[in-house]
């Protein structure tokens, strides 16, 4: 759920930056926050990818052991 929340925050930041009408300092702060959120999202996605890979490996082992027996 954190990933979805971070993605929504990232979308909100992108919209604010695209709309403009904000000060330079606010724009920089939003940009920095967006970068941190993007890093967090990538970390979450990579962790999910690793979990899926581990599950697939386990399933392959189970399938192979059943076929051999």
PDB file of N, CA and C in Angstrom:
ATOM      1  N   UNK A   1       0.827  -1.192   0.000  1.00  0.00           N
ATOM      2  CA  UNK A   1       0.000   0.000   0.000  1.00  0.00           C
ATOM      3  C   UNK A   1       0.868   1.252   0.000  1.00  0.00           C
ATOM      4  N   UNK A   2       2.034   1.163   0.585  1.00  0.00           N
ATOM      5  CA  UNK A   2       2.924   2.333   0.614  1.00  0.00           C
ATOM      6  C   UNK A   2       3.304   2.755  -0.803  1.00  0.00           C
ATOM      7  N   UNK A   3       3.503   1.789  -1.673  1.00  0.00           N
ATOM      8  CA  UNK A   3       3.870   2.104  -3.053  1.00  0.00           C
ATOM      9  C   UNK A   3       2.777   2.934  -3.717  1.00  0.00           C
ATOM     10  N   UNK A   4       1.543   2.508  -3.554  1.00  0.00           N
ATOM     11  CA  UNK A   4       0.432   3.235  -4.160  1.00  0.00           C
ATOM     12  C   UNK A   4       0.333   4.653  -3.612  1.00  0.00           C
ATOM     13  N   UNK A   5       0.534   4.801  -2.324  1.00  0.00           N
ATOM     14  CA  UNK A   5       0.489   6.128  -1.706  1.00  0.00           C
ATOM     15  C   UNK A   5       1.626   7.008  -2.214  1.00  0.00           C
ATOM     16  N   UNK A   6       2.808   6.439  -2.315  1.00  0.00           N
ATOM     17  CA  UNK A   6       3.953   7.204  -2.813  1.00  0.00           C
ATOM     18  C   UNK A   6       3.760   7.603  -4.274  1.00  0.00           C
ATOM     19  N   UNK A   7       3.197   6.700  -5.066  1.00  0.00           N
ATOM     20  CA  UNK A   7       2.932   7.034  -6.469  1.00  0.00           C
ATOM     21  C   UNK A   7       1.922   8.162  -6.587  1.00  0.00           C
ATOM     22  N   UNK A   8       0.903   8.145  -5.741  1.00  0.00           N
ATOM     23  CA  UNK A   8      -0.096   9.219  -5.752  1.00  0.00           C
ATOM     24  C   UNK A   8       0.556  10.550  -5.365  1.00  0.00           C
ATOM     25  N   UNK A   9       1.401  10.539  -4.336  1.00  0.00           N
ATOM     26  CA  UNK A   9       2.107  11.759  -3.932  1.00  0.00           C
ATOM     27  C   UNK A   9       2.995  12.270  -5.066  1.00  0.00           C
ATOM     28  N   UNK A  10       3.650  11.342  -5.735  1.00  0.00           N
ATOM     29  CA  UNK A  10       4.525  11.703  -6.853  1.00  0.00           C
ATOM     30  C   UNK A  10       3.715  12.336  -7.991  1.00  0.00           C
ATOM     31  N   UNK A  11       2.551  11.787  -8.272  1.00  0.00           N
ATOM     32  CA  UNK A  11       1.675  12.371  -9.292  1.00  0.00           C
ATOM     33  C   UNK A  11       1.242  13.784  -8.891  1.00  0.00           C
ATOM     34  N   UNK A  12       0.906  13.956  -7.613  1.00  0.00           N
ATOM     35  CA  UNK A  12       0.493  15.284  -7.125  1.00  0.00           C
ATOM     36  C   UNK A  12       1.617  16.303  -7.278  1.00  0.00           C
ATOM     37  N   UNK A  13       2.828  15.877  -6.963  1.00  0.00           N
ATOM     38  CA  UNK A  13       3.987  16.767  -7.084  1.00  0.00           C
ATOM     39  C   UNK A  13       4.203  17.141  -8.548  1.00  0.00           C
ATOM     40  N   UNK A  14       4.119  16.156  -9.426  1.00  0.00           N
ATOM     41  CA  UNK A  14       4.312  16.420 -10.856  1.00  0.00           C
ATOM     42  C   UNK A  14       3.266  17.411 -11.365  1.00  0.00           C
ATOM     43  N   UNK A  15       2.032  17.256 -10.930  1.00  0.00           N
ATOM     44  CA  UNK A  15       0.976  18.177 -11.348  1.00  0.00           C
ATOM     45  C   UNK A  15       1.252  19.600 -10.859  1.00  0.00           C
ATOM     46  N   UNK A  16       1.694  19.723  -9.609  1.00  0.00           N
ATOM     47  CA  UNK A  16       2.003  21.055  -9.065  1.00  0.00           C
ATOM     48  C   UNK A  16       3.136  21.707  -9.845  1.00  0.00           C
ATOM     49  N   UNK A  17       4.156  20.920 -10.153  1.00  0.00           N
ATOM     50  CA  UNK A  17       5.293  21.462 -10.892  1.00  0.00           C
ATOM     51  C   UNK A  17       4.887  21.851 -12.312  1.00  0.00           C
ATOM     52  N   UNK A  18       4.034  21.046 -12.934  1.00  0.00           N
ATOM     53  CA  UNK A  18       3.601  21.342 -14.298  1.00  0.00           C
ATOM     54  C   UNK A  18       2.697  22.574 -14.348  1.00  0.00           C
ATOM     55  N   UNK A  19       1.854  22.738 -13.336  1.00  0.00           N
ATOM     56  CA  UNK A  19       0.956  23.903 -13.291  1.00  0.00           C
ATOM     57  C   UNK A  19       1.727  25.200 -13.141  1.00  0.00           C
ATOM     58  N   UNK A  20       2.801  25.134 -12.395  1.00  0.00           N
ATOM     59  CA  UNK A  20       3.588  26.342 -12.146  1.00  0.00           C
ATOM     60  C   UNK A  20       2.918  27.232 -11.120  1.00  0.00           C
ATOM     61  N   UNK A  21       3.297  28.497 -11.125  1.00  0.00           N
ATOM     62  CA  UNK A  21       2.736  29.442 -10.176  1.00  0.00           C
ATOM     63  C   UNK A  21       3.247  29.251  -8.759  1.00  0.00           C
ATOM     64  N   UNK A  22       4.376  28.600  -8.630  1.00  0.00           N
ATOM     65  CA  UNK A  22       4.968  28.395  -7.315  1.00  0.00           C
ATOM     66  C   UNK A  22       6.323  29.073  -7.281  1.00  0.00           C
ATOM     67  N   UNK A  23       6.790  29.332  -6.084  1.00  0.00           N
ATOM     68  CA  UNK A  23       8.089  29.988  -5.954  1.00  0.00           C
ATOM     69  C   UNK A  23       9.209  29.015  -6.323  1.00  0.00           C
ATOM     70  N   UNK A  24      10.368  29.564  -6.595  1.00  0.00           N
ATOM     71  CA  UNK A  24      11.527  28.743  -6.924  1.00  0.00           C
ATOM     72  C   UNK A  24      11.854  27.796  -5.773  1.00  0.00           C
ATOM     73  N   UNK A  25      11.843  28.327  -4.554  1.00  0.00           N
ATOM     74  CA  UNK A  25      12.158  27.491  -3.393  1.00  0.00           C
ATOM     75  C   UNK A  25      11.145  26.356  -3.227  1.00  0.00           C
ATOM     76  N   UNK A  26       9.868  26.657  -3.435  1.00  0.00           N
ATOM     77  CA  UNK A  26       8.842  25.622  -3.334  1.00  0.00           C
ATOM     78  C   UNK A  26       9.031  24.584  -4.443  1.00  0.00           C
ATOM     79  N   UNK A  27       9.358  25.044  -5.642  1.00  0.00           N
ATOM     80  CA  UNK A  27       9.605  24.131  -6.751  1.00  0.00           C
ATOM     81  C   UNK A  27      10.773  23.199  -6.474  1.00  0.00           C
ATOM     82  N   UNK A  28      11.831  23.751  -5.925  1.00  0.00           N
ATOM     83  CA  UNK A  28      13.003  22.939  -5.591  1.00  0.00           C
ATOM     84  C   UNK A  28      12.653  21.919  -4.518  1.00  0.00           C
ATOM     85  N   UNK A  29      11.910  22.346  -3.500  1.00  0.00           N
ATOM     86  CA  UNK A  29      11.507  21.438  -2.420  1.00  0.00           C
ATOM     87  C   UNK A  29      10.623  20.317  -2.969  1.00  0.00           C
ATOM     88  N   UNK A  30       9.694  20.665  -3.840  1.00  0.00           N
ATOM     89  CA  UNK A  30       8.831  19.651  -4.441  1.00  0.00           C
ATOM     90  C   UNK A  30       9.650  18.682  -5.286  1.00  0.00           C
ATOM     91  N   UNK A  31      10.591  19.205  -6.046  1.00  0.00           N
ATOM     92  CA  UNK A  31      11.439  18.368  -6.885  1.00  0.00           C
ATOM     93  C   UNK A  31      12.249  17.387  -6.028  1.00  0.00           C
ATOM     94  N   UNK A  32      12.839  17.889  -4.955  1.00  0.00           N
ATOM     95  CA  UNK A  32      13.614  17.028  -4.049  1.00  0.00           C
ATOM     96  C   UNK A  32      12.725  15.943  -3.443  1.00  0.00           C
ATOM     97  N   UNK A  33      11.538  16.347  -3.015  1.00  0.00           N
ATOM     98  CA  UNK A  33      10.596  15.386  -2.446  1.00  0.00           C
ATOM     99  C   UNK A  33      10.217  14.342  -3.491  1.00  0.00           C
ATOM    100  N   UNK A  34      10.003  14.775  -4.715  1.00  0.00           N
ATOM    101  CA  UNK A  34       9.673  13.857  -5.792  1.00  0.00           C
ATOM    102  C   UNK A  34      10.774  12.851  -6.057  1.00  0.00           C
ATOM    103  N   UNK A  35      12.008  13.314  -6.017  1.00  0.00           N
ATOM    104  CA  UNK A  35      13.148  12.403  -6.216  1.00  0.00           C
ATOM    105  C   UNK A  35      13.182  11.345  -5.119  1.00  0.00           C
ATOM    106  N   UNK A  36      12.976  11.740  -3.879  1.00  0.00           N
ATOM    107  CA  UNK A  36      12.975  10.791  -2.758  1.00  0.00           C
ATOM    108  C   UNK A  36      11.825   9.785  -2.900  1.00  0.00           C
ATOM    109  N   UNK A  37      10.665  10.274  -3.315  1.00  0.00           N
ATOM    110  CA  UNK A  37       9.526   9.367  -3.523  1.00  0.00           C
ATOM    111  C   UNK A  37       9.813   8.391  -4.663  1.00  0.00           C
ATOM    112  N   UNK A  38      10.426   8.879  -5.727  1.00  0.00           N
ATOM    113  CA  UNK A  38      10.768   8.010  -6.855  1.00  0.00           C
ATOM    114  C   UNK A  38      11.747   6.919  -6.417  1.00  0.00           C
ATOM    115  N   UNK A  39      12.732   7.281  -5.609  1.00  0.00           N
ATOM    116  CA  UNK A  39      13.680   6.293  -5.086  1.00  0.00           C
ATOM    117  C   UNK A  39      12.959   5.246  -4.249  1.00  0.00           C
ATOM    118  N   UNK A  40      12.049   5.703  -3.408  1.00  0.00           N
ATOM    119  CA  UNK A  40      11.284   4.793  -2.561  1.00  0.00           C
ATOM    120  C   UNK A  40      10.453   3.838  -3.402  1.00  0.00           C
ATOM    121  N   UNK A  41       9.811   4.366  -4.443  1.00  0.00           N
ATOM    122  CA  UNK A  41       9.010   3.533  -5.334  1.00  0.00           C
ATOM    123  C   UNK A  41       9.874   2.489  -6.027  1.00  0.00           C
ATOM    124  N   UNK A  42      11.043   2.892  -6.510  1.00  0.00           N
ATOM    125  CA  UNK A  42      11.944   1.944  -7.168  1.00  0.00           C
ATOM    126  C   UNK A  42      12.415   0.858  -6.206  1.00  0.00           C
ATOM    127  N   UNK A  43      12.709   1.249  -4.968  1.00  0.00           N
ATOM    128  CA  UNK A  43      13.112   0.262  -3.971  1.00  0.00           C
ATOM    129  C   UNK A  43      11.988  -0.732  -3.709  1.00  0.00           C
ATOM    130  N   UNK A  44      10.768  -0.229  -3.580  1.00  0.00           N
ATOM    131  CA  UNK A  44       9.615  -1.104  -3.354  1.00  0.00           C
ATOM    132  C   UNK A  44       9.405  -2.045  -4.534  1.00  0.00           C
ATOM    133  N   UNK A  45       9.522  -1.516  -5.746  1.00  0.00           N
ATOM    134  CA  UNK A  45       9.354  -2.354  -6.940  1.00  0.00           C
ATOM    135  C   UNK A  45      10.434  -3.425  -7.034  1.00  0.00           C
ATOM    136  N   UNK A  46      11.666  -3.054  -6.715  1.00  0.00           N
ATOM    137  CA  UNK A  46      12.759  -4.029  -6.747  1.00  0.00           C
ATOM    138  C   UNK A  46      12.560  -5.107  -5.690  1.00  0.00           C
ATOM    139  N   UNK A  47      12.081  -4.716  -4.506  1.00  0.00           N
ATOM    140  CA  UNK A  47      11.813  -5.699  -3.456  1.00  0.00           C
ATOM    141  C   UNK A  47      10.709  -6.652  -3.891  1.00  0.00           C
ATOM    142  N   UNK A  48       9.690  -6.124  -4.533  1.00  0.00           N
ATOM    143  CA  UNK A  48       8.603  -6.970  -5.032  1.00  0.00           C
ATOM    144  C   UNK A  48       9.108  -7.916  -6.118  1.00  0.00           C
ATOM    145  N   UNK A  49       9.961  -7.400  -6.985  1.00  0.00           N
ATOM    146  CA  UNK A  49      10.535  -8.226  -8.049  1.00  0.00           C
ATOM    147  C   UNK A  49      11.342  -9.374  -7.443  1.00  0.00           C
ATOM    148  N   UNK A  50      12.122  -9.075  -6.399  1.00  0.00           N
ATOM    149  CA  UNK A  50      12.917 -10.114  -5.740  1.00  0.00           C
ATOM    150  C   UNK A  50      12.013 -11.175  -5.108  1.00  0.00           C
ATOM    151  N   UNK A  51      10.913 -10.744  -4.484  1.00  0.00           N
ATOM    152  CA  UNK A  51       9.977 -11.694  -3.880  1.00  0.00           C
ATOM    153  C   UNK A  51       9.359 -12.596  -4.939  1.00  0.00           C
ATOM    154  N   UNK A  52       8.967 -12.005  -6.051  1.00  0.00           N
ATOM    155  CA  UNK A  52       8.363 -12.785  -7.133  1.00  0.00           C
ATOM    156  C   UNK A  52       9.374 -13.791  -7.683  1.00  0.00           C
ATOM    157  N   UNK A  53      10.608 -13.368  -7.845  1.00  0.00           N
ATOM    158  CA  UNK A  53      11.651 -14.279  -8.332  1.00  0.00           C
ATOM    159  C   UNK A  53      11.852 -15.446  -7.376  1.00  0.00           C
ATOM    160  N   UNK A  54      11.846 -15.161  -6.084  1.00  0.00           N
ATOM    161  CA  UNK A  54      12.020 -16.214  -5.082  1.00  0.00           C
ATOM    162  C   UNK A  54      10.849 -17.191  -5.117  1.00  0.00           C
ATOM    163  N   UNK A  55       9.658 -16.682  -5.279  1.00  0.00           N
ATOM    164  CA  UNK A  55       8.464 -17.539  -5.359  1.00  0.00           C
ATOM    165  C   UNK A  55       8.532 -18.412  -6.606  1.00  0.00           C
ATOM    166  N   UNK A  56       8.934 -17.812  -7.732  1.00  0.00           N
ATOM    167  CA  UNK A  56       9.043 -18.572  -8.975  1.00  0.00           C
ATOM    168  C   UNK A  56      10.090 -19.685  -8.843  1.00  0.00           C
ATOM    169  N   UNK A  57      11.207 -19.386  -8.200  1.00  0.00           N
ATOM    170  CA  UNK A  57      12.244 -20.399  -7.997  1.00  0.00           C
ATOM    171  C   UNK A  57      11.713 -21.541  -7.147  1.00  0.00           C
ATOM    172  N   UNK A  58      11.010 -21.207  -6.083  1.00  0.00           N
ATOM    173  CA  UNK A  58      10.456 -22.220  -5.196  1.00  0.00           C
ATOM    174  C   UNK A  58       9.443 -23.092  -5.942  1.00  0.00           C
ATOM    175  N   UNK A  59       8.621 -22.466  -6.765  1.00  0.00           N
ATOM    176  CA  UNK A  59       7.645 -23.223  -7.551  1.00  0.00           C
ATOM    177  C   UNK A  59       8.346 -24.138  -8.549  1.00  0.00           C
ATOM    178  N   UNK A  60       9.412 -23.655  -9.160  1.00  0.00           N
ATOM    179  CA  UNK A  60      10.173 -24.475 -10.107  1.00  0.00           C
ATOM    180  C   UNK A  60      10.771 -25.685  -9.402  1.00  0.00           C
ATOM    181  N   UNK A  61      11.299 -25.471  -8.204  1.00  0.00           N
ATOM    182  CA  UNK A  61      11.864 -26.587  -7.426  1.00  0.00           C
ATOM    183  C   UNK A  61      10.786 -27.622  -7.086  1.00  0.00           C
ATOM    184  N   UNK A  62       9.627 -27.114  -6.667  1.00  0.00           N
ATOM    185  CA  UNK A  62       8.537 -28.021  -6.340  1.00  0.00           C
ATOM    186  C   UNK A  62       8.078 -28.809  -7.558  1.00  0.00           C
ATOM    187  N   UNK A  63       7.966 -28.128  -8.670  1.00  0.00           N
ATOM    188  CA  UNK A  63       7.534 -28.769  -9.906  1.00  0.00           C
ATOM    189  C   UNK A  63       8.549 -29.809 -10.354  1.00  0.00           C
ATOM    190  N   UNK A  64       9.816 -29.471 -10.286  1.00  0.00           N
ATOM    191  CA  UNK A  64      10.864 -30.418 -10.695  1.00  0.00           C
ATOM    192  C   UNK A  64      10.919 -31.624  -9.772  1.00  0.00           C
ATOM    193  N   UNK A  65      10.759 -31.412  -8.481  1.00  0.00           N
ATOM    194  CA  UNK A  65      10.824 -32.532  -7.541  1.00  0.00           C
ATOM    195  C   UNK A  65       9.622 -33.449  -7.710  1.00  0.00           C
ATOM    196  N   UNK A  66       8.470 -32.910  -8.086  1.00  0.00           N
ATOM    197  CA  UNK A  66       7.285 -33.754  -8.322  1.00  0.00           C
ATOM    198  C   UNK A  66       7.435 -34.551  -9.604  1.00  0.00           C
ATOM    199  N   UNK A  67       8.072 -33.961 -10.612  1.00  0.00           N
ATOM    200  CA  UNK A  67       8.255 -34.638 -11.888  1.00  0.00           C
ATOM    201  C   UNK A  67       9.272 -35.772 -11.759  1.00  0.00           C
ATOM    202  N   UNK A  68      10.253 -35.582 -10.877  1.00  0.00           N
ATOM    203  CA  UNK A  68      11.299 -36.593 -10.692  1.00  0.00           C
ATOM    204  C   UNK A  68      10.774 -37.766  -9.877  1.00  0.00           C
ATOM    205  N   UNK A  69       9.817 -37.513  -9.005  1.00  0.00           N
ATOM    206  CA  UNK A  69       9.329 -38.552  -8.099  1.00  0.00           C
ATOM    207  C   UNK A  69       8.218 -39.309  -8.630  1.00  0.00           C
TER     208      UNK A  69
END
